[in-house]
PDB file of N, CA and C in Angstrom:
ATOM      1  N   UNK A   1      -3.969 -11.392  27.899  1.00  0.00           N
ATOM      2  CA  UNK A   1      -3.735 -10.554  26.628  1.00  0.00           C
ATOM      3  C   UNK A   1      -4.484  -9.597  27.500  1.00  0.00           C
ATOM      4  N   UNK A   2      -4.291  -8.350  27.213  1.00  0.00           N
ATOM      5  CA  UNK A   2      -4.898  -7.243  27.682  1.00  0.00           C
ATOM      6  C   UNK A   2      -5.026  -6.362  26.555  1.00  0.00           C
ATOM      7  N   UNK A   3      -6.208  -6.053  26.160  1.00  0.00           N
ATOM      8  CA  UNK A   3      -6.988  -4.982  24.880  1.00  0.00           C
ATOM      9  C   UNK A   3      -6.187  -3.922  25.161  1.00  0.00           C
ATOM     10  N   UNK A   4      -5.692  -3.033  24.299  1.00  0.00           N
ATOM     11  CA  UNK A   4      -5.111  -2.200  24.473  1.00  0.00           C
ATOM     12  C   UNK A   4      -6.171  -1.064  23.103  1.00  0.00           C
ATOM     13  N   UNK A   5      -6.378  -0.099  23.616  1.00  0.00           N
ATOM     14  CA  UNK A   5      -7.456   0.672  22.213  1.00  0.00           C
ATOM     15  C   UNK A   5      -6.568   1.759  22.042  1.00  0.00           C
ATOM     16  N   UNK A   6      -6.549   2.088  20.234  1.00  0.00           N
ATOM     17  CA  UNK A   6      -5.820   2.738  19.338  1.00  0.00           C
ATOM     18  C   UNK A   6      -6.096   4.269  20.104  1.00  0.00           C
ATOM     19  N   UNK A   7      -5.397   5.045  20.012  1.00  0.00           N
ATOM     20  CA  UNK A   7      -5.492   6.501  20.397  1.00  0.00           C
ATOM     21  C   UNK A   7      -6.065   7.708  19.584  1.00  0.00           C
ATOM     22  N   UNK A   8      -5.727   7.340  18.239  1.00  0.00           N
ATOM     23  CA  UNK A   8      -6.855   7.859  17.355  1.00  0.00           C
ATOM     24  C   UNK A   8      -7.030   6.806  16.041  1.00  0.00           C
ATOM     25  N   UNK A   9      -7.570   7.116  15.056  1.00  0.00           N
ATOM     26  CA  UNK A   9      -7.987   6.505  13.975  1.00  0.00           C
ATOM     27  C   UNK A   9      -6.801   6.165  13.522  1.00  0.00           C
ATOM     28  N   UNK A  10      -5.739   6.106  13.171  1.00  0.00           N
ATOM     29  CA  UNK A  10      -4.647   5.805  12.635  1.00  0.00           C
ATOM     30  C   UNK A  10      -3.682   4.753  13.233  1.00  0.00           C
ATOM     31  N   UNK A  11      -4.225   4.771  14.387  1.00  0.00           N
ATOM     32  CA  UNK A  11      -3.037   3.800  15.581  1.00  0.00           C
ATOM     33  C   UNK A  11      -3.265   2.371  15.866  1.00  0.00           C
ATOM     34  N   UNK A  12      -4.325   1.588  14.539  1.00  0.00           N
ATOM     35  CA  UNK A  12      -4.318   0.279  15.206  1.00  0.00           C
ATOM     36  C   UNK A  12      -3.021  -0.475  15.188  1.00  0.00           C
ATOM     37  N   UNK A  13      -2.270  -0.224  14.186  1.00  0.00           N
ATOM     38  CA  UNK A  13      -0.827  -1.381  14.350  1.00  0.00           C
ATOM     39  C   UNK A  13       0.274  -0.826  15.418  1.00  0.00           C
ATOM     40  N   UNK A  14      -0.168   0.411  15.799  1.00  0.00           N
ATOM     41  CA  UNK A  14       0.835   0.392  17.027  1.00  0.00           C
ATOM     42  C   UNK A  14      -0.044   0.011  18.368  1.00  0.00           C
ATOM     43  N   UNK A  15      -1.533  -0.233  18.424  1.00  0.00           N
ATOM     44  CA  UNK A  15      -1.805  -0.810  19.720  1.00  0.00           C
ATOM     45  C   UNK A  15      -1.546  -2.215  19.388  1.00  0.00           C
ATOM     46  N   UNK A  16      -1.846  -2.496  18.037  1.00  0.00           N
ATOM     47  CA  UNK A  16      -1.339  -4.103  18.270  1.00  0.00           C
ATOM     48  C   UNK A  16       0.193  -4.580  18.636  1.00  0.00           C
ATOM     49  N   UNK A  17       0.816  -3.909  18.318  1.00  0.00           N
ATOM     50  CA  UNK A  17       2.277  -4.122  18.641  1.00  0.00           C
ATOM     51  C   UNK A  17       2.270  -3.959  20.354  1.00  0.00           C
ATOM     52  N   UNK A  18       1.321  -3.033  20.638  1.00  0.00           N
ATOM     53  CA  UNK A  18       1.604  -2.671  21.904  1.00  0.00           C
ATOM     54  C   UNK A  18       1.080  -4.003  23.048  1.00  0.00           C
ATOM     55  N   UNK A  19      -0.225  -4.617  22.559  1.00  0.00           N
ATOM     56  CA  UNK A  19      -0.242  -5.500  23.328  1.00  0.00           C
ATOM     57  C   UNK A  19       0.357  -6.786  23.338  1.00  0.00           C
ATOM     58  N   UNK A  20       1.059  -7.212  21.689  1.00  0.00           N
ATOM     59  CA  UNK A  20       1.868  -8.207  21.863  1.00  0.00           C
ATOM     60  C   UNK A  20       3.376  -8.220  22.466  1.00  0.00           C
ATOM     61  N   UNK A  21       3.919  -6.573  22.756  1.00  0.00           N
ATOM     62  CA  UNK A  21       4.739  -6.512  23.510  1.00  0.00           C
ATOM     63  C   UNK A  21       5.050  -5.868  24.738  1.00  0.00           C
ATOM     64  N   UNK A  22       3.350  -5.766  25.473  1.00  0.00           N
ATOM     65  CA  UNK A  22       3.345  -5.679  26.653  1.00  0.00           C
ATOM     66  C   UNK A  22       4.076  -4.259  26.770  1.00  0.00           C
ATOM     67  N   UNK A  23       3.931  -3.296  26.171  1.00  0.00           N
ATOM     68  CA  UNK A  23       4.583  -2.038  25.655  1.00  0.00           C
ATOM     69  C   UNK A  23       3.466  -0.880  25.738  1.00  0.00           C
ATOM     70  N   UNK A  24       3.611   0.198  26.506  1.00  0.00           N
ATOM     71  CA  UNK A  24       2.471   1.057  26.174  1.00  0.00           C
ATOM     72  C   UNK A  24       2.559   1.723  24.667  1.00  0.00           C
ATOM     73  N   UNK A  25       1.245   2.157  24.197  1.00  0.00           N
ATOM     74  CA  UNK A  25       0.942   2.293  22.808  1.00  0.00           C
ATOM     75  C   UNK A  25       1.642   3.619  22.763  1.00  0.00           C
ATOM     76  N   UNK A  26       1.975   4.513  23.324  1.00  0.00           N
ATOM     77  CA  UNK A  26       2.741   5.798  23.514  1.00  0.00           C
ATOM     78  C   UNK A  26       4.227   5.067  23.004  1.00  0.00           C
ATOM     79  N   UNK A  27       4.894   4.568  23.936  1.00  0.00           N
ATOM     80  CA  UNK A  27       6.096   4.041  23.269  1.00  0.00           C
ATOM     81  C   UNK A  27       6.252   3.473  22.256  1.00  0.00           C
ATOM     82  N   UNK A  28       5.000   2.253  21.755  1.00  0.00           N
ATOM     83  CA  UNK A  28       5.202   2.217  20.464  1.00  0.00           C
ATOM     84  C   UNK A  28       5.737   2.826  19.353  1.00  0.00           C
ATOM     85  N   UNK A  29       4.122   3.890  19.625  1.00  0.00           N
ATOM     86  CA  UNK A  29       4.210   5.145  18.717  1.00  0.00           C
ATOM     87  C   UNK A  29       5.535   6.051  18.524  1.00  0.00           C
ATOM     88  N   UNK A  30       6.222   5.762  19.847  1.00  0.00           N
ATOM     89  CA  UNK A  30       7.704   6.637  19.612  1.00  0.00           C
ATOM     90  C   UNK A  30       8.687   6.035  18.924  1.00  0.00           C
ATOM     91  N   UNK A  31       8.673   4.596  19.253  1.00  0.00           N
ATOM     92  CA  UNK A  31       9.801   3.613  19.086  1.00  0.00           C
ATOM     93  C   UNK A  31       9.570   3.681  17.180  1.00  0.00           C
ATOM     94  N   UNK A  32       8.122   3.306  16.285  1.00  0.00           N
ATOM     95  CA  UNK A  32       7.912   3.213  15.299  1.00  0.00           C
ATOM     96  C   UNK A  32       8.032   4.699  14.858  1.00  0.00           C
ATOM     97  N   UNK A  33       7.972   6.001  15.250  1.00  0.00           N
ATOM     98  CA  UNK A  33       8.564   7.020  15.080  1.00  0.00           C
ATOM     99  C   UNK A  33       7.381   7.696  14.157  1.00  0.00           C
ATOM    100  N   UNK A  34       6.085   7.006  14.511  1.00  0.00           N
ATOM    101  CA  UNK A  34       4.524   7.927  13.623  1.00  0.00           C
ATOM    102  C   UNK A  34       3.420   7.206  14.848  1.00  0.00           C
ATOM    103  N   UNK A  35       2.537   8.118  14.339  1.00  0.00           N
ATOM    104  CA  UNK A  35       1.262   7.778  15.032  1.00  0.00           C
ATOM    105  C   UNK A  35       0.281   8.106  13.939  1.00  0.00           C
ATOM    106  N   UNK A  36       0.556   7.679  12.967  1.00  0.00           N
ATOM    107  CA  UNK A  36      -0.052   7.483  11.266  1.00  0.00           C
ATOM    108  C   UNK A  36      -0.320   6.106  10.973  1.00  0.00           C
ATOM    109  N   UNK A  37      -1.399   5.924   9.982  1.00  0.00           N
ATOM    110  CA  UNK A  37      -1.148   4.676   9.152  1.00  0.00           C
ATOM    111  C   UNK A  37       0.018   3.749   9.215  1.00  0.00           C
ATOM    112  N   UNK A  38       0.026   2.295   9.494  1.00  0.00           N
ATOM    113  CA  UNK A  38       1.335   1.663   8.922  1.00  0.00           C
ATOM    114  C   UNK A  38       0.946   0.366   7.961  1.00  0.00           C
ATOM    115  N   UNK A  39       2.563   0.229   7.614  1.00  0.00           N
ATOM    116  CA  UNK A  39       1.972  -0.878   6.664  1.00  0.00           C
ATOM    117  C   UNK A  39       2.795  -2.043   7.358  1.00  0.00           C
ATOM    118  N   UNK A  40       2.648  -3.735   6.548  1.00  0.00           N
ATOM    119  CA  UNK A  40       3.140  -4.452   7.207  1.00  0.00           C
ATOM    120  C   UNK A  40       4.759  -4.467   7.862  1.00  0.00           C
ATOM    121  N   UNK A  41       5.416  -4.005   6.543  1.00  0.00           N
ATOM    122  CA  UNK A  41       6.981  -3.567   6.650  1.00  0.00           C
ATOM    123  C   UNK A  41       7.396  -2.957   8.403  1.00  0.00           C
ATOM    124  N   UNK A  42       6.233  -2.001   8.020  1.00  0.00           N
ATOM    125  CA  UNK A  42       6.962  -1.070   9.488  1.00  0.00           C
ATOM    126  C   UNK A  42       6.428  -1.878  10.743  1.00  0.00           C
ATOM    127  N   UNK A  43       5.658  -2.725  10.964  1.00  0.00           N
ATOM    128  CA  UNK A  43       5.220  -3.727  12.048  1.00  0.00           C
ATOM    129  C   UNK A  43       5.934  -5.112  11.882  1.00  0.00           C
ATOM    130  N   UNK A  44       6.171  -5.338  11.070  1.00  0.00           N
ATOM    131  CA  UNK A  44       7.796  -6.352  11.018  1.00  0.00           C
ATOM    132  C   UNK A  44       8.775  -6.070  11.871  1.00  0.00           C
ATOM    133  N   UNK A  45       9.024  -4.548  11.116  1.00  0.00           N
ATOM    134  CA  UNK A  45      10.670  -3.942  11.586  1.00  0.00           C
ATOM    135  C   UNK A  45      10.377  -4.103  12.872  1.00  0.00           C
ATOM    136  N   UNK A  46       9.169  -3.673  13.665  1.00  0.00           N
ATOM    137  CA  UNK A  46       9.113  -2.938  15.196  1.00  0.00           C
ATOM    138  C   UNK A  46       9.096  -4.208  15.951  1.00  0.00           C
ATOM    139  N   UNK A  47       8.670  -5.411  15.414  1.00  0.00           N
ATOM    140  CA  UNK A  47       8.553  -6.875  16.203  1.00  0.00           C
ATOM    141  C   UNK A  47       9.678  -7.254  15.748  1.00  0.00           C
ATOM    142  N   UNK A  48      10.850  -6.915  15.241  1.00  0.00           N
ATOM    143  CA  UNK A  48      11.917  -7.474  14.970  1.00  0.00           C
ATOM    144  C   UNK A  48      13.044  -6.502  16.145  1.00  0.00           C
ATOM    145  N   UNK A  49      12.650  -5.733  16.221  1.00  0.00           N
ATOM    146  CA  UNK A  49      13.364  -4.019  17.156  1.00  0.00           C
ATOM    147  C   UNK A  49      13.090  -4.995  18.969  1.00  0.00           C
ATOM    148  N   UNK A  50      12.001  -5.239  18.800  1.00  0.00           N
ATOM    149  CA  UNK A  50      11.907  -5.898  20.491  1.00  0.00           C
ATOM    150  C   UNK A  50      12.065  -7.264  20.434  1.00  0.00           C
ATOM    151  N   UNK A  51      12.473  -7.752  19.087  1.00  0.00           N
ATOM    152  CA  UNK A  51      13.054  -9.168  19.648  1.00  0.00           C
ATOM    153  C   UNK A  51      11.736 -10.299  19.687  1.00  0.00           C
ATOM    154  N   UNK A  52      10.477 -10.257  18.861  1.00  0.00           N
ATOM    155  CA  UNK A  52       9.332 -10.784  19.006  1.00  0.00           C
ATOM    156  C   UNK A  52       9.588 -11.717  17.530  1.00  0.00           C
ATOM    157  N   UNK A  53       9.421 -12.771  17.680  1.00  0.00           N
ATOM    158  CA  UNK A  53       9.456 -13.940  16.644  1.00  0.00           C
ATOM    159  C   UNK A  53       7.816 -13.661  16.042  1.00  0.00           C
ATOM    160  N   UNK A  54       8.880 -13.998  14.729  1.00  0.00           N
ATOM    161  CA  UNK A  54       6.873 -13.785  13.798  1.00  0.00           C
ATOM    162  C   UNK A  54       7.494 -14.813  12.223  1.00  0.00           C
ATOM    163  N   UNK A  55       6.406 -14.812  11.873  1.00  0.00           N
ATOM    164  CA  UNK A  55       6.778 -15.458  10.503  1.00  0.00           C
ATOM    165  C   UNK A  55       7.622 -14.931   9.434  1.00  0.00           C
ATOM    166  N   UNK A  56       7.679 -15.341   8.385  1.00  0.00           N
ATOM    167  CA  UNK A  56       8.648 -14.631   7.558  1.00  0.00           C
ATOM    168  C   UNK A  56       7.817 -13.303   6.688  1.00  0.00           C
ATOM    169  N   UNK A  57       6.475 -13.758   6.745  1.00  0.00           N
ATOM    170  CA  UNK A  57       5.854 -12.599   6.012  1.00  0.00           C
ATOM    171  C   UNK A  57       4.091 -13.097   6.025  1.00  0.00           C
ATOM    172  N   UNK A  58       3.807 -11.571   5.756  1.00  0.00           N
ATOM    173  CA  UNK A  58       2.042 -11.743   5.615  1.00  0.00           C
ATOM    174  C   UNK A  58       1.641 -12.792   4.834  1.00  0.00           C
ATOM    175  N   UNK A  59       0.417 -13.357   5.585  1.00  0.00           N
ATOM    176  CA  UNK A  59      -0.064 -14.505   4.130  1.00  0.00           C
ATOM    177  C   UNK A  59      -0.967 -14.372   3.862  1.00  0.00           C
ATOM    178  N   UNK A  60      -1.763 -14.426   2.750  1.00  0.00           N
ATOM    179  CA  UNK A  60      -2.960 -13.954   1.921  1.00  0.00           C
ATOM    180  C   UNK A  60      -4.244 -14.985   2.323  1.00  0.00           C
ATOM    181  N   UNK A  61      -5.163 -15.012   3.193  1.00  0.00           N
ATOM    182  CA  UNK A  61      -6.131 -16.152   3.195  1.00  0.00           C
ATOM    183  C   UNK A  61      -6.614 -16.534   2.015  1.00  0.00           C
ATOM    184  N   UNK A  62      -6.132 -17.757   1.874  1.00  0.00           N
ATOM    185  CA  UNK A  62      -6.880 -18.639   0.730  1.00  0.00           C
ATOM    186  C   UNK A  62      -7.282 -19.919   1.044  1.00  0.00           C
ATOM    187  N   UNK A  63      -7.495 -20.634  -0.279  1.00  0.00           N
ATOM    188  CA  UNK A  63      -7.849 -22.417   0.151  1.00  0.00           C
ATOM    189  C   UNK A  63      -6.798 -22.958   0.869  1.00  0.00           C
ATOM    190  N   UNK A  64      -5.313 -22.833   0.354  1.00  0.00           N
ATOM    191  CA  UNK A  64      -4.185 -22.955   0.865  1.00  0.00           C
ATOM    192  C   UNK A  64      -3.801 -23.038   1.951  1.00  0.00           C
ATOM    193  N   UNK A  65      -4.131 -21.406   2.725  1.00  0.00           N
ATOM    194  CA  UNK A  65      -3.878 -21.038   3.748  1.00  0.00           C
ATOM    195  C   UNK A  65      -5.012 -20.157   4.421  1.00  0.00           C
ATOM    196  N   UNK A  66      -6.071 -21.283   4.966  1.00  0.00           N
ATOM    197  CA  UNK A  66      -7.609 -20.709   4.993  1.00  0.00           C
ATOM    198  C   UNK A  66      -7.563 -20.127   6.723  1.00  0.00           C
ATOM    199  N   UNK A  67      -6.653 -20.683   7.824  1.00  0.00           N
ATOM    200  CA  UNK A  67      -6.894 -20.001   9.018  1.00  0.00           C
ATOM    201  C   UNK A  67      -5.821 -19.174   9.174  1.00  0.00           C
ATOM    202  N   UNK A  68      -5.401 -18.199  10.206  1.00  0.00           N
ATOM    203  CA  UNK A  68      -4.267 -17.477  10.530  1.00  0.00           C
ATOM    204  C   UNK A  68      -3.742 -18.512  11.665  1.00  0.00           C
ATOM    205  N   UNK A  69      -2.570 -17.880  12.126  1.00  0.00           N
ATOM    206  CA  UNK A  69      -2.073 -18.765  13.052  1.00  0.00           C
ATOM    207  C   UNK A  69      -2.709 -18.501  14.345  1.00  0.00           C
ATOM    208  N   UNK A  70      -2.688 -19.618  15.358  1.00  0.00           N
ATOM    209  CA  UNK A  70      -3.428 -18.896  16.977  1.00  0.00           C
ATOM    210  C   UNK A  70      -3.123 -17.761  17.325  1.00  0.00           C
ATOM    211  N   UNK A  71      -2.097 -17.029  16.697  1.00  0.00           N
ATOM    212  CA  UNK A  71      -1.690 -15.576  17.574  1.00  0.00           C
ATOM    213  C   UNK A  71      -1.299 -15.445  16.362  1.00  0.00           C
ATOM    214  N   UNK A  72      -1.971 -14.074  15.920  1.00  0.00           N
ATOM    215  CA  UNK A  72      -1.492 -13.276  14.573  1.00  0.00           C
ATOM    216  C   UNK A  72      -2.162 -11.938  14.657  1.00  0.00           C
ATOM    217  N   UNK A  73      -1.405 -11.355  13.706  1.00  0.00           N
ATOM    218  CA  UNK A  73      -1.568  -9.684  13.357  1.00  0.00           C
ATOM    219  C   UNK A  73      -2.511  -9.968  11.531  1.00  0.00           C
ATOM    220  N   UNK A  74      -3.904  -9.604  11.864  1.00  0.00           N
ATOM    221  CA  UNK A  74      -4.804  -9.860  11.365  1.00  0.00           C
ATOM    222  C   UNK A  74      -5.055  -8.348   9.913  1.00  0.00           C
ATOM    223  N   UNK A  75      -5.140  -8.563   8.986  1.00  0.00           N
ATOM    224  CA  UNK A  75      -5.320  -7.107   8.252  1.00  0.00           C
ATOM    225  C   UNK A  75      -6.923  -7.304   7.985  1.00  0.00           C
ATOM    226  N   UNK A  76      -7.796  -6.431   8.321  1.00  0.00           N
ATOM    227  CA  UNK A  76      -9.028  -6.607   7.857  1.00  0.00           C
ATOM    228  C   UNK A  76      -9.182  -5.373   6.842  1.00  0.00           C
ATOM    229  N   UNK A  77     -10.067  -5.572   5.993  1.00  0.00           N
ATOM    230  CA  UNK A  77     -10.827  -5.120   5.202  1.00  0.00           C
ATOM    231  C   UNK A  77     -12.441  -4.495   5.215  1.00  0.00           C
ATOM    232  N   UNK A  78     -12.286  -3.260   6.247  1.00  0.00           N
ATOM    233  CA  UNK A  78     -13.353  -2.728   7.293  1.00  0.00           C
ATOM    234  C   UNK A  78     -14.501  -2.603   6.160  1.00  0.00           C
ATOM    235  N   UNK A  79     -15.519  -3.137   6.715  1.00  0.00           N
ATOM    236  CA  UNK A  79     -17.026  -2.608   5.865  1.00  0.00           C
ATOM    237  C   UNK A  79     -17.057  -1.127   5.468  1.00  0.00           C
ATOM    238  N   UNK A  80     -16.528   0.115   6.425  1.00  0.00           N
ATOM    239  CA  UNK A  80     -16.286   1.181   5.777  1.00  0.00           C
ATOM    240  C   UNK A  80     -15.420   1.734   4.616  1.00  0.00           C
ATOM    241  N   UNK A  81     -14.532   0.881   4.350  1.00  0.00           N
ATOM    242  CA  UNK A  81     -13.739   1.065   3.050  1.00  0.00           C
ATOM    243  C   UNK A  81     -12.394   1.324   3.438  1.00  0.00           C
ATOM    244  N   UNK A  82     -11.631   0.954   5.101  1.00  0.00           N
ATOM    245  CA  UNK A  82     -10.612   1.466   4.932  1.00  0.00           C
ATOM    246  C   UNK A  82      -9.837   0.128   5.697  1.00  0.00           C
ATOM    247  N   UNK A  83      -8.285   0.293   5.820  1.00  0.00           N
ATOM    248  CA  UNK A  83      -7.775  -1.272   6.017  1.00  0.00           C
ATOM    249  C   UNK A  83      -7.592  -0.912   7.387  1.00  0.00           C
ATOM    250  N   UNK A  84      -7.008  -1.924   8.176  1.00  0.00           N
ATOM    251  CA  UNK A  84      -7.197  -1.937   9.518  1.00  0.00           C
ATOM    252  C   UNK A  84      -6.410  -3.259  10.188  1.00  0.00           C
ATOM    253  N   UNK A  85      -5.541  -2.978  11.115  1.00  0.00           N
ATOM    254  CA  UNK A  85      -5.007  -4.252  12.021  1.00  0.00           C
ATOM    255  C   UNK A  85      -5.778  -4.578  13.208  1.00  0.00           C
ATOM    256  N   UNK A  86      -5.870  -5.701  13.572  1.00  0.00           N
ATOM    257  CA  UNK A  86      -6.508  -6.128  14.800  1.00  0.00           C
ATOM    258  C   UNK A  86      -5.854  -7.492  14.991  1.00  0.00           C
ATOM    259  N   UNK A  87      -5.809  -7.955  16.272  1.00  0.00           N
ATOM    260  CA  UNK A  87      -5.115  -9.231  16.865  1.00  0.00           C
ATOM    261  C   UNK A  87      -5.809 -10.448  16.946  1.00  0.00           C
ATOM    262  N   UNK A  88      -5.604 -11.082  16.910  1.00  0.00           N
ATOM    263  CA  UNK A  88      -6.347 -12.387  16.878  1.00  0.00           C
ATOM    264  C   UNK A  88      -5.514 -13.351  18.056  1.00  0.00           C
ATOM    265  N   UNK A  89      -5.686 -13.883  19.007  1.00  0.00           N
ATOM    266  CA  UNK A  89      -5.448 -14.058  20.093  1.00  0.00           C
ATOM    267  C   UNK A  89      -6.023 -15.309  21.180  1.00  0.00           C
ATOM    268  N   UNK A  90      -5.652 -16.806  20.854  1.00  0.00           N
ATOM    269  CA  UNK A  90      -6.842 -17.414  22.149  1.00  0.00           C
ATOM    270  C   UNK A  90      -8.185 -17.496  21.766  1.00  0.00           C
ATOM    271  N   UNK A  91      -8.038 -17.201  20.381  1.00  0.00           N
ATOM    272  CA  UNK A  91      -9.646 -18.052  19.817  1.00  0.00           C
ATOM    273  C   UNK A  91     -10.743 -16.168  20.075  1.00  0.00           C
ATOM    274  N   UNK A  92      -9.981 -15.378  20.484  1.00  0.00           N
ATOM    275  CA  UNK A  92     -10.660 -13.835  20.477  1.00  0.00           C
ATOM    276  C   UNK A  92      -9.832 -13.311  19.609  1.00  0.00           C
ATOM    277  N   UNK A  93     -11.024 -11.839  19.093  1.00  0.00           N
ATOM    278  CA  UNK A  93     -10.041 -10.869  18.340  1.00  0.00           C
ATOM    279  C   UNK A  93     -10.371  -9.423  19.343  1.00  0.00           C
ATOM    280  N   UNK A  94      -8.877  -9.147  19.692  1.00  0.00           N
ATOM    281  CA  UNK A  94      -8.402  -8.030  20.280  1.00  0.00           C
ATOM    282  C   UNK A  94      -8.136  -6.944  19.177  1.00  0.00           C
ATOM    283  N   UNK A  95      -9.662  -6.139  19.103  1.00  0.00           N
ATOM    284  CA  UNK A  95      -9.467  -5.160  18.001  1.00  0.00           C
ATOM    285  C   UNK A  95      -9.056  -3.821  19.260  1.00  0.00           C
ATOM    286  N   UNK A  96      -8.097  -2.921  18.243  1.00  0.00           N
ATOM    287  CA  UNK A  96      -8.077  -1.773  19.095  1.00  0.00           C
ATOM    288  C   UNK A  96      -8.673  -0.875  18.686  1.00  0.00           C
ATOM    289  N   UNK A  97     -10.020  -0.813  17.780  1.00  0.00           N
ATOM    290  CA  UNK A  97     -10.884   0.028  17.696  1.00  0.00           C
ATOM    291  C   UNK A  97     -12.375  -0.398  18.286  1.00  0.00           C
ATOM    292  N   UNK A  98     -12.519  -1.621  18.263  1.00  0.00           N
ATOM    293  CA  UNK A  98     -13.876  -2.346  18.555  1.00  0.00           C
ATOM    294  C   UNK A  98     -14.234  -3.201  19.521  1.00  0.00           C
ATOM    295  N   UNK A  99     -12.702  -3.339  20.700  1.00  0.00           N
ATOM    296  CA  UNK A  99     -13.088  -4.035  21.672  1.00  0.00           C
ATOM    297  C   UNK A  99     -12.488  -5.634  21.561  1.00  0.00           C
ATOM    298  N   UNK A 100     -13.005  -6.650  22.415  1.00  0.00           N
ATOM    299  CA  UNK A 100     -12.790  -7.825  22.113  1.00  0.00           C
ATOM    300  C   UNK A 100     -13.730  -8.670  21.745  1.00  0.00           C
ATOM    301  N   UNK A 101     -13.489  -9.289  20.857  1.00  0.00           N
ATOM    302  CA  UNK A 101     -14.438  -9.830  19.709  1.00  0.00           C
ATOM    303  C   UNK A 101     -14.379 -11.689  19.965  1.00  0.00           C
ATOM    304  N   UNK A 102     -15.812 -11.980  20.573  1.00  0.00           N
ATOM    305  CA  UNK A 102     -15.824 -13.349  20.426  1.00  0.00           C
ATOM    306  C   UNK A 102     -16.803 -13.959  19.406  1.00  0.00           C
ATOM    307  N   UNK A 103     -16.673 -15.076  18.755  1.00  0.00           N
ATOM    308  CA  UNK A 103     -17.395 -15.305  17.715  1.00  0.00           C
ATOM    309  C   UNK A 103     -17.095 -15.112  16.315  1.00  0.00           C
ATOM    310  N   UNK A 104     -17.786 -14.510  15.355  1.00  0.00           N
ATOM    311  CA  UNK A 104     -17.489 -13.939  13.868  1.00  0.00           C
ATOM    312  C   UNK A 104     -16.902 -12.707  14.482  1.00  0.00           C
ATOM    313  N   UNK A 105     -16.327 -12.201  13.406  1.00  0.00           N
ATOM    314  CA  UNK A 105     -15.650 -10.707  12.871  1.00  0.00           C
ATOM    315  C   UNK A 105     -16.626 -10.043  11.928  1.00  0.00           C
ATOM    316  N   UNK A 106     -17.325  -9.568  12.150  1.00  0.00           N
ATOM    317  CA  UNK A 106     -18.587  -8.367  11.626  1.00  0.00           C
ATOM    318  C   UNK A 106     -18.114  -7.564  11.285  1.00  0.00           C
ATOM    319  N   UNK A 107     -17.285  -6.684  11.352  1.00  0.00           N
ATOM    320  CA  UNK A 107     -16.773  -5.469  11.101  1.00  0.00           C
ATOM    321  C   UNK A 107     -15.647  -5.059   9.923  1.00  0.00           C
ATOM    322  N   UNK A 108     -15.711  -6.532   8.929  1.00  0.00           N
ATOM    323  CA  UNK A 108     -14.749  -6.553   7.456  1.00  0.00           C
ATOM    324  C   UNK A 108     -14.571  -7.793   7.625  1.00  0.00           C
ATOM    325  N   UNK A 109     -13.421  -7.910   6.273  1.00  0.00           N
ATOM    326  CA  UNK A 109     -13.373  -9.215   5.981  1.00  0.00           C
ATOM    327  C   UNK A 109     -11.443  -8.913   6.224  1.00  0.00           C
ATOM    328  N   UNK A 110     -11.377 -10.235   6.867  1.00  0.00           N
ATOM    329  CA  UNK A 110      -9.698 -10.464   6.867  1.00  0.00           C
ATOM    330  C   UNK A 110      -9.704 -11.223   5.862  1.00  0.00           C
ATOM    331  N   UNK A 111      -8.554 -10.467   5.080  1.00  0.00           N
ATOM    332  CA  UNK A 111      -7.449 -10.776   4.123  1.00  0.00           C
ATOM    333  C   UNK A 111      -5.990 -11.536   4.069  1.00  0.00           C
ATOM    334  N   UNK A 112      -5.503 -11.154   5.223  1.00  0.00           N
ATOM    335  CA  UNK A 112      -4.148 -11.555   5.382  1.00  0.00           C
ATOM    336  C   UNK A 112      -3.794 -11.770   7.168  1.00  0.00           C
ATOM    337  N   UNK A 113      -2.620 -12.700   7.277  1.00  0.00           N
ATOM    338  CA  UNK A 113      -2.307 -12.416   8.414  1.00  0.00           C
ATOM    339  C   UNK A 113      -0.644 -12.690   9.088  1.00  0.00           C
ATOM    340  N   UNK A 114      -0.223 -12.327   9.789  1.00  0.00           N
ATOM    341  CA  UNK A 114       0.814 -12.339   9.907  1.00  0.00           C
ATOM    342  C   UNK A 114       1.058 -13.360  11.473  1.00  0.00           C
ATOM    343  N   UNK A 115       1.586 -14.486  11.511  1.00  0.00           N
ATOM    344  CA  UNK A 115       1.925 -15.047  12.424  1.00  0.00           C
ATOM    345  C   UNK A 115       2.571 -14.434  13.745  1.00  0.00           C
ATOM    346  N   UNK A 116       2.393 -14.519  14.744  1.00  0.00           N
ATOM    347  CA  UNK A 116       3.377 -14.442  15.732  1.00  0.00           C
ATOM    348  C   UNK A 116       3.539 -15.368  16.447  1.00  0.00           C
ATOM    349  N   UNK A 117       4.846 -15.915  16.670  1.00  0.00           N
ATOM    350  CA  UNK A 117       5.621 -17.210  17.076  1.00  0.00           C
ATOM    351  C   UNK A 117       5.925 -17.054  18.778  1.00  0.00           C
ATOM    352  N   UNK A 118       5.181 -16.937  19.519  1.00  0.00           N
ATOM    353  CA  UNK A 118       5.218 -17.034  20.962  1.00  0.00           C
ATOM    354  C   UNK A 118       4.777 -18.060  21.696  1.00  0.00           C
TER     355      UNK A 118
END
């Protein structure tokens, strides 16, 4: 997995999709038609457009679902108060804002995940 950094404050979702699809962030922004904040629905739509298999829906972290899939897009509520997308892959966080993180994620609380089925 190659880390792709977001190119502005709002393109964490596009950067996660760029990492998953092995496309440039500029291509993903163009295909998604936005360089602004993204919803889970927009992420699912672009994954479908690119033919990337994924779980049916975003799943909340809970006692029933305590851990994300080994390859997932994570929803993070950051310590600074905004919502952020990051990628969990091969036991590491590929965070388009903060870089590759091994060990505990300390930039916020992970609240849900969308499994990538590759």
